[in-house]
Each structure stands twice: as C-alpha cells, then as structure tokens.
Amino acid sequence: MRKLKVAMGQMMVEGAQPQANIARAVGMINAAGRQKCDVVVLPECLDLGWTHPCAAELAQTIPGPFSDVIVAAAKSAEIYVAAGLVERMNGRIFNTAIFISPTGEILLKHRKINELMIGPRMYSVGNSLAVAETPIGTFGLAICADNFPSSHAIGHVLGRMGARIILSPCAWAVDTNHDNVKDPYGGMWKASYAELAKLYDMSIVGVSNVGWMIGGPWKGRKCIGCSMAIGPCGTLLAQGPYGDNAQALVNVDVPIMPVSATGADIAPMLAAKGYEGG
C-alpha cells in the first residue's frame, strides 16, 4: 500500500461569475502544487454554479476557454487536477468533470449520469464511464449524486474497471436554516462512500464548493463544503469545514491499495464481503 497526497479544494463558487470562480480554482491548484500534493480535487460546476440558469448562455466546450485555463494551471503547478465544469456540446449542456495530468493532458472526461430531478431540465445525461491509468494509480471520476447509495452501480463499474481512487466533484447544498449542530451534514456520503470503498479496497474523495445559490431551482439554499476523503477500510480520513463561507484547501494522505481481484474473480471477492448483488 502506498499513499497519495490529495488536496481537497473546497472553494467559493458564485453563480454566473466564471472569471472569478476560475481564478479561485487556479489559486487552489497553485497552492496545492506549492504544497507538493499529487492531486487536487475541485467542486462540481465550479465555473458557473450547479443548476444556475446562466449555463444556457455561458457554458463552453471542453476543450474550450474555461477548461484551457484549468489545464494550463495543472501543467504549471505540475499536479493532477479533477475539476467540475459545465460543458456545451452540439447544442446540449452537460454537467462534466475532467481529470488533467501534470503535463496538461485531459485524461478523463465524465458527464454526470445520476443528475437530480431538477438537473435534467438543464443538463443532458452522460452515457459513458472510464478510468485513467497513471503512474501514481488508476483513477475514476463520479460527480456528486453519481455516488448516491441508490446509484452504486456507477461506482461498481469503476471498481471493476480497476479504479483505486474515485474523485468526485460535488455541490452539497442545504436549506437556508440548516443547523449543523443538530443535524450534522455528511452522514449519507460517509456511509455511501464507505460501502464502495470497503468492497473494492479503494479510496473516494468528494469535494464540495461553498457559497449561496443565487439562481436556479434551489435559489436561496447554501453550499456548505464538508468535503471528505474515505479510505479503503471505509474510514473517514479527513473532512473539510462546514459553512457557506468555509473556503479551505484540506490536504490528506490517501491510501492506494493494489487490485485484489479482476474480471470474473471480482464476484466471489464481493460475495466474501457480504455483497449479494451481481
């Protein structure tokens, strides 16, 4: 077992303010590079804000002007970057994440599959999954609700493809008056991530933005961070601070376990761990 130094870039995202948001993302990438991290993970729809209606006018292609800035920052900082962006392609809009190498190559592009019911009004559904094999490990991408307990099929496929770590750009929002003392945020994600992590001996890192949602169907809610990393045994390795202004770069050493089974040998491995699915 070896470890990667992963930075969770829990950044402020303002709806319809792509230049300011991308500048913050570049700042997070540069800081993670200075701190000698291997990977930095940034939030979902970090350029325009999740479900903000400005996507109809401002969404860009990938590659395109927004992603090019993120790619250049990854290359300059010599770090792997996972980032969520809003993508325009052939007249459609996608909720997309990209995984970039330290040499500035887009290794993965994932379009969110399990979008919430308010999302399909804006975003088309993704139709593919893949992993990236790199010198430091095999990575998968899954965006936010792709990791819901009810959509574990996505994580299972990535695990069967050999992913040793899943990186998940997120936008975790709560009601305006949510009380984190009475109702601590993140229990569902911890349980959901832990189940997959234990089954496949992999790690999962989910990173949310912070800030108020100022447009779209959830206008008035707030994104509150609480980004987290779960290790192969289902253990919480690190968690970001809670709050609509809790911007932070949180570094965590994430274990990378070797693959213990492949192909048809995965089913008996899962059965031995109590999993009854296919």
Protein backbone atom coordinates (compact mmCIF):
# COMPACT_ATOMS: atom_id res chain seq x y z
CA MET A 1 0.00 0.00 0.00
CA ARG A 2 1.19 3.50 -0.81
CA LYS A 3 -0.30 6.92 -0.24
CA LEU A 4 -1.07 9.94 -2.37
CA LYS A 5 -1.15 13.46 -1.04
CA VAL A 6 -4.54 14.76 -2.15
CA ALA A 7 -5.74 18.36 -1.78
CA MET A 8 -9.46 18.96 -1.35
CA GLY A 9 -10.05 22.38 -2.93
CA GLN A 10 -13.21 23.47 -1.14
CA MET A 11 -13.63 26.77 -2.98
CA MET A 12 -16.23 29.51 -3.15
CA VAL A 13 -18.41 29.31 -6.27
CA GLU A 14 -20.57 32.28 -7.30
CA GLY A 15 -23.36 31.69 -9.80
CA ALA A 16 -22.78 33.28 -13.21
CA GLN A 17 -19.30 34.55 -12.29
CA PRO A 18 -16.97 32.31 -14.33
CA GLN A 19 -13.91 34.56 -14.31
CA ALA A 20 -13.91 34.95 -10.52
CA ASN A 21 -14.62 31.26 -9.99
CA ILE A 22 -11.91 30.07 -12.36
CA ALA A 23 -9.43 32.45 -10.74
CA ARG A 24 -10.19 30.81 -7.39
CA ALA A 25 -9.74 27.38 -8.93
CA VAL A 26 -6.35 28.39 -10.31
CA GLY A 27 -5.41 29.67 -6.86
CA MET A 28 -6.32 26.32 -5.32
CA ILE A 29 -4.30 24.46 -7.96
CA ASN A 30 -1.26 26.67 -7.42
CA ALA A 31 -1.46 26.32 -3.64
CA ALA A 32 -1.75 22.53 -3.89
CA GLY A 33 1.25 22.48 -6.20
CA ARG A 34 3.33 24.56 -3.78
CA GLN A 35 2.38 22.13 -1.02
CA LYS A 36 3.70 19.24 -3.14
CA CYS A 37 0.33 17.50 -3.45
CA ASP A 38 -0.06 14.77 -6.05
CA VAL A 39 -3.69 15.58 -6.86
CA VAL A 40 -6.14 18.41 -6.24
CA VAL A 41 -9.90 17.88 -6.45
CA LEU A 42 -12.21 20.84 -7.14
CA PRO A 43 -16.03 21.15 -6.97
CA GLU A 44 -18.87 20.43 -9.38
CA CYS A 45 -19.81 23.11 -11.95
CA LEU A 46 -17.13 25.35 -10.49
CA ASP A 47 -17.27 27.78 -13.39
CA LEU A 48 -20.98 28.72 -13.43
CA GLY A 49 -22.51 27.15 -10.31
CA TRP A 50 -24.62 24.00 -10.22
CA THR A 51 -28.04 24.47 -11.92
CA HIS A 52 -27.53 28.21 -12.37
CA PRO A 53 -29.56 29.19 -15.46
CA CYS A 54 -26.67 31.18 -16.93
CA ALA A 55 -25.46 27.85 -18.35
CA ALA A 56 -27.74 28.35 -21.34
CA GLU A 57 -25.65 31.37 -22.35
CA LEU A 58 -22.24 30.90 -20.76
CA ALA A 59 -21.44 27.17 -20.96
CA GLN A 60 -18.32 26.44 -23.02
CA THR A 61 -16.94 23.48 -24.92
CA ILE A 62 -14.30 21.16 -23.43
CA PRO A 63 -11.59 21.77 -24.52
CA GLY A 64 -12.54 25.41 -24.53
CA PRO A 65 -11.74 28.76 -22.89
CA PHE A 66 -12.66 27.75 -19.33
CA SER A 67 -11.08 24.30 -19.33
CA ASP A 68 -7.97 25.66 -21.06
CA VAL A 69 -7.24 27.86 -18.04
CA ILE A 70 -7.58 24.89 -15.66
CA VAL A 71 -5.38 22.73 -17.91
CA ALA A 72 -2.70 25.43 -18.05
CA ALA A 73 -2.75 25.74 -14.25
CA ALA A 74 -2.36 21.97 -13.82
CA LYS A 75 0.62 21.99 -16.17
CA SER A 76 2.20 25.00 -14.48
CA ALA A 77 1.78 23.50 -11.00
CA GLU A 78 2.75 20.01 -12.24
CA ILE A 79 -0.18 18.36 -10.49
CA TYR A 80 -3.12 16.11 -11.36
CA VAL A 81 -6.40 18.04 -11.25
CA ALA A 82 -10.03 16.88 -11.10
CA ALA A 83 -12.46 19.72 -11.81
CA GLY A 84 -16.19 20.05 -12.47
CA LEU A 85 -17.25 22.32 -15.35
CA VAL A 86 -20.40 23.00 -17.34
CA GLU A 87 -19.93 21.73 -20.90
CA ARG A 88 -21.63 22.75 -24.15
CA MET A 89 -21.61 20.21 -26.96
CA ASN A 90 -23.75 20.01 -30.11
CA GLY A 91 -26.47 22.20 -28.66
CA ARG A 92 -26.65 20.32 -25.35
CA ILE A 93 -25.40 21.16 -21.86
CA PHE A 94 -23.63 18.60 -19.65
CA ASN A 95 -22.55 18.57 -16.01
CA THR A 96 -18.99 17.41 -16.65
CA ALA A 97 -15.80 16.62 -14.76
CA ILE A 98 -12.32 16.39 -16.23
CA PHE A 99 -9.14 14.80 -14.91
CA ILE A 100 -5.95 16.50 -16.06
CA SER A 101 -2.35 15.25 -15.95
CA PRO A 102 0.61 17.29 -14.68
CA THR A 103 1.65 17.70 -18.33
CA GLY A 104 -1.67 19.32 -19.24
CA GLU A 105 -3.44 16.39 -20.89
CA ILE A 106 -7.15 15.75 -20.27
CA LEU A 107 -7.04 12.07 -19.30
CA LEU A 108 -10.74 11.65 -18.49
CA LYS A 109 -13.97 13.46 -19.24
CA HIS A 110 -17.02 12.25 -17.28
CA ARG A 111 -20.55 13.56 -17.80
CA LYS A 112 -22.79 13.17 -14.77
CA ILE A 113 -25.27 10.30 -15.04
CA ASN A 114 -27.35 10.41 -11.85
CA GLU A 115 -28.45 14.04 -12.01
CA LEU A 116 -31.14 15.06 -9.51
CA MET A 117 -34.64 15.60 -10.86
CA ILE A 118 -34.05 19.36 -11.00
CA GLY A 119 -30.92 18.80 -13.10
CA PRO A 120 -32.28 17.18 -16.30
CA ARG A 121 -34.16 20.40 -17.04
CA MET A 122 -30.72 21.83 -17.76
CA TYR A 123 -28.18 19.01 -18.15
CA SER A 124 -28.20 16.07 -20.55
CA VAL A 125 -27.37 12.67 -19.05
CA GLY A 126 -23.90 11.21 -19.52
CA ASN A 127 -23.59 7.86 -21.27
CA SER A 128 -20.10 6.52 -20.58
CA LEU A 129 -17.66 5.53 -17.85
CA ALA A 130 -13.90 5.14 -17.97
CA VAL A 131 -10.79 5.11 -15.77
CA ALA A 132 -7.36 6.66 -16.24
CA GLU A 133 -4.30 4.53 -15.60
CA THR A 134 -1.45 6.77 -14.45
CA PRO A 135 1.99 6.24 -12.88
CA ILE A 136 0.52 7.07 -9.46
CA GLY A 137 -2.64 4.95 -9.68
CA THR A 138 -5.84 4.24 -11.57
CA PHE A 139 -8.45 6.98 -11.20
CA GLY A 140 -12.19 7.18 -11.79
CA LEU A 141 -14.48 10.20 -11.86
CA ALA A 142 -18.03 10.35 -10.48
CA ILE A 143 -19.91 13.59 -9.93
CA CYS A 144 -21.82 14.17 -6.67
CA ALA A 145 -25.11 12.15 -6.86
CA ASP A 146 -23.39 9.57 -9.05
CA ASN A 147 -22.26 8.27 -5.65
CA PHE A 148 -25.71 8.12 -4.05
CA PRO A 149 -26.47 4.80 -2.32
CA SER A 150 -29.18 4.32 -4.96
CA SER A 151 -26.66 4.66 -7.82
CA HIS A 152 -23.84 2.47 -6.58
CA ALA A 153 -23.87 0.73 -9.96
CA ILE A 154 -21.66 3.57 -11.21
CA GLY A 155 -19.06 3.02 -8.50
CA HIS A 156 -19.24 -0.74 -9.03
CA VAL A 157 -18.41 -0.33 -12.71
CA LEU A 158 -15.47 1.96 -11.92
CA GLY A 159 -14.26 -0.53 -9.30
CA ARG A 160 -14.49 -3.38 -11.80
CA MET A 161 -12.53 -1.26 -14.28
CA GLY A 162 -9.72 -1.10 -11.74
CA ALA A 163 -10.20 2.32 -10.13
CA ARG A 164 -8.14 2.58 -6.96
CA ILE A 165 -9.44 6.03 -6.16
CA ILE A 166 -12.65 7.79 -7.23
CA LEU A 167 -12.54 11.58 -7.36
CA SER A 168 -15.92 13.26 -7.03
CA PRO A 169 -16.54 16.97 -7.67
CA CYS A 170 -19.70 17.90 -5.71
CA ALA A 171 -22.07 20.74 -4.79
CA TRP A 172 -23.54 19.86 -1.39
CA ALA A 173 -26.42 22.22 -0.61
CA VAL A 174 -28.67 22.56 2.43
CA ASP A 175 -31.68 24.68 3.34
CA THR A 176 -31.04 28.24 4.44
CA ASN A 177 -31.72 27.50 8.11
CA HIS A 178 -29.90 24.18 8.33
CA ASP A 179 -28.42 23.68 11.82
CA ASN A 180 -25.23 21.65 11.57
CA VAL A 181 -25.08 21.14 15.34
CA LYS A 182 -28.50 19.49 15.50
CA ASP A 183 -28.18 17.78 12.13
CA PRO A 184 -24.51 17.29 11.18
CA TYR A 185 -24.06 17.17 7.42
CA GLY A 186 -22.42 14.30 5.58
CA GLY A 187 -23.70 11.08 7.15
CA MET A 188 -25.19 9.78 3.92
CA TRP A 189 -22.00 10.43 1.97
CA LYS A 190 -19.81 8.79 4.61
CA ALA A 191 -21.94 5.65 4.56
CA SER A 192 -22.26 5.56 0.78
CA TYR A 193 -18.56 6.13 0.12
CA ALA A 194 -17.57 3.66 2.83
CA GLU A 195 -19.66 0.84 1.36
CA LEU A 196 -17.99 1.08 -2.03
CA ALA A 197 -14.55 1.70 -0.55
CA LYS A 198 -14.68 -1.45 1.56
CA LEU A 199 -15.99 -3.62 -1.27
CA TYR A 200 -13.25 -2.66 -3.71
CA ASP A 201 -10.42 -1.68 -1.32
CA MET A 202 -10.38 1.77 -2.90
CA SER A 203 -10.49 5.37 -1.68
CA ILE A 204 -13.09 8.03 -2.53
CA VAL A 205 -12.65 11.79 -2.31
CA GLY A 206 -15.66 14.10 -2.60
CA VAL A 207 -15.16 17.87 -2.72
CA SER A 208 -17.96 20.44 -2.48
CA ASN A 209 -17.97 24.16 -3.06
CA VAL A 210 -19.20 26.74 -0.59
CA GLY A 211 -21.44 29.77 -1.13
CA TRP A 212 -25.07 30.75 -1.68
CA MET A 213 -27.07 29.51 -4.65
CA ILE A 214 -28.31 32.72 -6.25
CA GLY A 215 -30.21 31.29 -9.20
CA GLY A 216 -31.97 28.18 -10.45
CA PRO A 217 -34.50 25.85 -8.78
CA TRP A 218 -32.58 25.78 -5.49
CA LYS A 219 -32.08 29.53 -5.27
CA GLY A 220 -31.70 30.52 -1.61
CA ARG A 221 -30.00 27.32 -0.50
CA LYS A 222 -26.36 27.32 0.52
CA CYS A 223 -23.46 25.04 -0.37
CA ILE A 224 -21.52 24.19 2.75
CA GLY A 225 -18.36 22.25 1.96
CA CYS A 226 -17.80 19.35 4.37
CA SER A 227 -15.62 17.77 1.66
CA MET A 228 -14.40 14.33 2.68
CA ALA A 229 -11.96 11.54 1.94
CA ILE A 230 -12.79 7.92 2.77
CA GLY A 231 -10.09 5.24 2.82
CA PRO A 232 -10.18 1.60 1.66
CA CYS A 233 -11.44 0.32 5.02
CA GLY A 234 -14.33 2.79 4.96
CA THR A 235 -12.57 5.09 7.43
CA LEU A 236 -13.02 8.85 7.31
CA LEU A 237 -9.55 10.21 6.56
CA ALA A 238 -10.35 13.93 6.53
CA GLN A 239 -13.28 16.31 6.32
CA GLY A 240 -13.43 19.95 5.32
CA PRO A 241 -15.09 22.67 7.42
CA TYR A 242 -18.82 23.40 7.23
CA GLY A 243 -20.28 26.72 6.15
CA ASP A 244 -21.29 28.91 3.23
CA ASN A 245 -18.00 30.82 3.59
CA ALA A 246 -15.80 27.90 4.67
CA GLN A 247 -13.37 28.04 1.78
CA ALA A 248 -10.38 25.82 2.52
CA LEU A 249 -7.65 23.70 0.98
CA VAL A 250 -7.52 20.50 3.01
CA ASN A 251 -4.66 18.06 2.42
CA VAL A 252 -4.97 14.37 3.19
CA ASP A 253 -2.81 11.28 2.69
CA VAL A 254 -4.98 8.80 0.78
CA PRO A 255 -4.06 5.08 0.71
CA ILE A 256 -3.87 3.38 -2.68
CA MET A 257 -4.37 -0.37 -2.38
CA PRO A 258 -3.39 -2.87 -5.09
CA VAL A 259 -6.15 -4.61 -7.05
CA SER A 260 -7.09 -7.85 -5.28
CA ALA A 261 -9.33 -9.34 -8.00
CA THR A 262 -10.17 -8.75 -11.64
CA GLY A 263 -12.80 -9.91 -14.13
CA ALA A 264 -14.94 -12.83 -13.04
CA ASP A 265 -12.93 -13.17 -9.82
CA ILE A 266 -14.48 -9.95 -8.53
CA ALA A 267 -17.89 -11.55 -7.89
CA PRO A 268 -16.62 -14.12 -5.36
CA MET A 269 -14.49 -11.41 -3.72
CA LEU A 270 -17.59 -9.26 -3.26
CA ALA A 271 -19.62 -12.24 -2.05
CA ALA A 272 -16.99 -12.98 0.58
CA LYS A 273 -17.51 -9.43 1.84
CA GLY A 274 -21.28 -9.92 2.07
CA TYR A 275 -22.34 -8.27 -1.17
CA GLU A 276 -25.28 -10.08 -2.73
CA GLY A 277 -25.58 -8.15 -5.99
CA GLY A 278 -24.25 -9.13 -9.41
